[in-house]
Amino acid sequence: MSTNTIQEIRAFNRFYTDLIGLLNKHLLNSDYSLSEVRVMYEIHTAGEAQASHIMAAMDIDKSYLSRIVKKLERDQLIIRKASEQDGRAVVLSLTKEGADLFRELTKATEHQIGGLISHLDTAQQDELVTHMHAIRKLLQDNQ
């Protein structure tokens, strides 16, 4: 593993996080951080999600997830209930307000990305996606 490779990966990570504003305190000028929106994403894609599933999917600890869940509950974006299959497990679901906000943020994200690639022609967009698939494949094959 070369030092140059590591430095190039770090430079790309800085470039991309700056480009899409991931280090901003709030995602897409909302009141929510990337982690909070990611929790909503996990709940949205599952319909209902156990807290343990979210912790595994995001690789976060229980206390961090708990703080996020409390904020999202306080903002009436999610509801928490005991699992019918396992009373010890917590199941999370989006409220109507949470689902509406998630849809708004998804549209804003798609608009942001559309703006980032609008200057690329179709062939360049395809090339970009091909390279992104290659990066994911290379990194996922080693996990």
Protein backbone atom coordinates (compact mmCIF):
# COMPACT_ATOMS: atom_id res chain seq x y z
CA MET A 1 0.00 0.00 0.00
CA SER A 2 1.61 3.20 -1.12
CA THR A 3 1.51 6.47 0.77
CA ASN A 4 0.59 8.17 -2.49
CA THR A 5 -2.49 5.95 -2.88
CA ILE A 6 -3.64 6.79 0.62
CA GLN A 7 -3.08 10.51 0.07
CA GLU A 8 -5.00 10.41 -3.23
CA ILE A 9 -7.96 8.64 -1.59
CA ARG A 10 -7.97 11.17 1.24
CA ALA A 11 -7.81 14.04 -1.27
CA PHE A 12 -10.75 12.59 -3.20
CA ASN A 13 -12.74 12.16 0.03
CA ARG A 14 -12.12 15.80 0.98
CA PHE A 15 -13.05 16.94 -2.53
CA TYR A 16 -16.29 14.98 -2.58
CA THR A 17 -17.43 15.82 0.94
CA ASP A 18 -16.77 19.51 0.24
CA LEU A 19 -18.52 19.27 -3.13
CA ILE A 20 -21.78 17.97 -1.71
CA GLY A 21 -21.54 19.70 1.66
CA LEU A 22 -21.41 16.58 3.84
CA LEU A 23 -19.42 18.36 6.52
CA ASN A 24 -22.03 21.06 6.93
CA LYS A 25 -23.82 20.79 10.25
CA HIS A 26 -27.16 20.31 8.52
CA LEU A 27 -27.92 18.42 5.34
CA LEU A 28 -29.32 20.44 2.43
CA ASN A 29 -30.18 23.44 4.60
CA SER A 30 -32.51 21.33 6.73
CA ASP A 31 -32.53 21.08 10.51
CA TYR A 32 -31.03 17.58 10.31
CA SER A 33 -27.54 16.14 10.12
CA LEU A 34 -26.42 13.50 7.66
CA SER A 35 -26.64 10.85 10.39
CA GLU A 36 -30.19 11.85 11.32
CA VAL A 37 -31.31 11.71 7.70
CA ARG A 38 -29.55 8.37 7.26
CA VAL A 39 -31.57 6.97 10.17
CA MET A 40 -34.73 8.17 8.41
CA TYR A 41 -33.47 6.51 5.21
CA GLU A 42 -32.96 3.18 6.96
CA ILE A 43 -36.46 3.36 8.45
CA HIS A 44 -37.98 4.46 5.13
CA THR A 45 -36.39 1.65 3.11
CA ALA A 46 -37.41 -1.01 5.64
CA GLY A 47 -40.90 0.38 6.32
CA GLU A 48 -40.22 -0.37 9.97
CA ALA A 49 -36.73 -0.94 11.29
CA GLN A 50 -35.41 -2.38 14.49
CA ALA A 51 -32.89 -0.19 16.23
CA SER A 52 -30.38 -3.06 16.06
CA HIS A 53 -30.70 -3.16 12.26
CA ILE A 54 -29.96 0.58 12.01
CA MET A 55 -26.96 0.26 14.32
CA ALA A 56 -25.55 -2.52 12.12
CA ALA A 57 -26.34 -0.78 8.82
CA MET A 58 -24.75 2.49 9.92
CA ASP A 59 -22.06 0.98 12.16
CA ILE A 60 -22.99 3.27 15.05
CA ASP A 61 -23.31 2.55 18.74
CA LYS A 62 -26.50 2.34 20.74
CA SER A 63 -26.02 5.62 22.61
CA TYR A 64 -25.48 7.63 19.41
CA LEU A 65 -28.55 6.07 17.79
CA SER A 66 -30.52 6.73 20.96
CA ARG A 67 -29.71 10.46 20.81
CA ILE A 68 -30.75 10.60 17.16
CA VAL A 69 -33.98 8.71 17.83
CA LYS A 70 -34.86 11.01 20.73
CA LYS A 71 -34.43 14.08 18.52
CA LEU A 72 -36.46 12.60 15.67
CA GLU A 73 -39.18 11.52 18.11
CA ARG A 74 -39.23 14.97 19.72
CA ASP A 75 -39.66 16.46 16.25
CA GLN A 76 -42.48 13.97 15.61
CA LEU A 77 -40.73 12.44 12.61
CA ILE A 78 -40.55 8.88 13.92
CA ILE A 79 -42.39 6.72 16.41
CA ARG A 80 -40.93 3.98 18.54
CA LYS A 81 -42.73 0.86 19.71
CA ALA A 82 -41.88 -2.53 21.12
CA SER A 83 -41.54 -5.31 18.56
CA GLU A 84 -44.47 -7.73 18.45
CA GLN A 85 -42.02 -10.62 17.92
CA ASP A 86 -39.56 -9.60 20.64
CA GLY A 87 -40.71 -7.22 23.37
CA ARG A 88 -37.09 -6.31 24.14
CA ALA A 89 -36.54 -5.00 20.61
CA VAL A 90 -37.49 -1.49 19.52
CA VAL A 91 -39.15 -0.93 16.14
CA LEU A 92 -39.01 2.50 14.53
CA SER A 93 -41.27 3.89 11.82
CA LEU A 94 -41.70 7.25 10.14
CA THR A 95 -44.69 9.40 10.93
CA LYS A 96 -46.53 11.11 8.08
CA GLU A 97 -44.46 14.23 8.81
CA GLY A 98 -41.28 12.14 8.78
CA ALA A 99 -42.18 10.51 5.46
CA ASP A 100 -43.01 13.91 3.96
CA LEU A 101 -39.69 15.39 5.15
CA PHE A 102 -37.78 12.38 3.87
CA ARG A 103 -39.38 12.80 0.42
CA GLU A 104 -38.49 16.52 0.41
CA LEU A 105 -34.88 15.79 1.33
CA THR A 106 -34.67 13.05 -1.30
CA LYS A 107 -35.89 15.49 -3.97
CA ALA A 108 -33.42 18.13 -2.76
CA THR A 109 -30.58 15.60 -2.90
CA GLU A 110 -31.55 14.54 -6.42
CA HIS A 111 -31.69 18.20 -7.46
CA GLN A 112 -28.27 18.84 -5.92
CA ILE A 113 -26.69 15.87 -7.70
CA GLY A 114 -28.43 16.79 -10.95
CA GLY A 115 -26.82 20.22 -10.68
CA LEU A 116 -23.39 18.68 -10.08
CA ILE A 117 -23.54 16.59 -13.24
CA SER A 118 -25.62 18.86 -15.48
CA HIS A 119 -22.54 20.03 -17.37
CA LEU A 120 -21.63 16.44 -18.28
CA ASP A 121 -22.95 14.88 -21.46
CA THR A 122 -24.59 11.44 -21.37
CA ALA A 123 -21.35 9.59 -22.15
CA GLN A 124 -19.53 11.42 -19.33
CA GLN A 125 -22.36 10.67 -16.90
CA ASP A 126 -22.19 7.00 -17.88
CA GLU A 127 -18.41 7.05 -17.40
CA LEU A 128 -18.81 8.62 -13.97
CA VAL A 129 -21.30 5.95 -12.91
CA THR A 130 -19.06 3.19 -14.28
CA HIS A 131 -16.14 4.49 -12.22
CA MET A 132 -18.33 4.77 -9.12
CA HIS A 133 -19.44 1.15 -9.56
CA ALA A 134 -15.82 0.11 -9.95
CA ILE A 135 -14.81 1.91 -6.74
CA ARG A 136 -17.64 0.30 -4.79
CA LYS A 137 -16.83 -3.15 -6.17
CA LEU A 138 -13.14 -2.87 -5.40
CA LEU A 139 -13.77 -1.73 -1.84
CA GLN A 140 -16.67 -4.11 -1.12
CA ASP A 141 -14.77 -7.16 -2.37
CA ASN A 142 -12.22 -6.63 0.39
CA GLN A 143 -14.61 -6.45 3.33
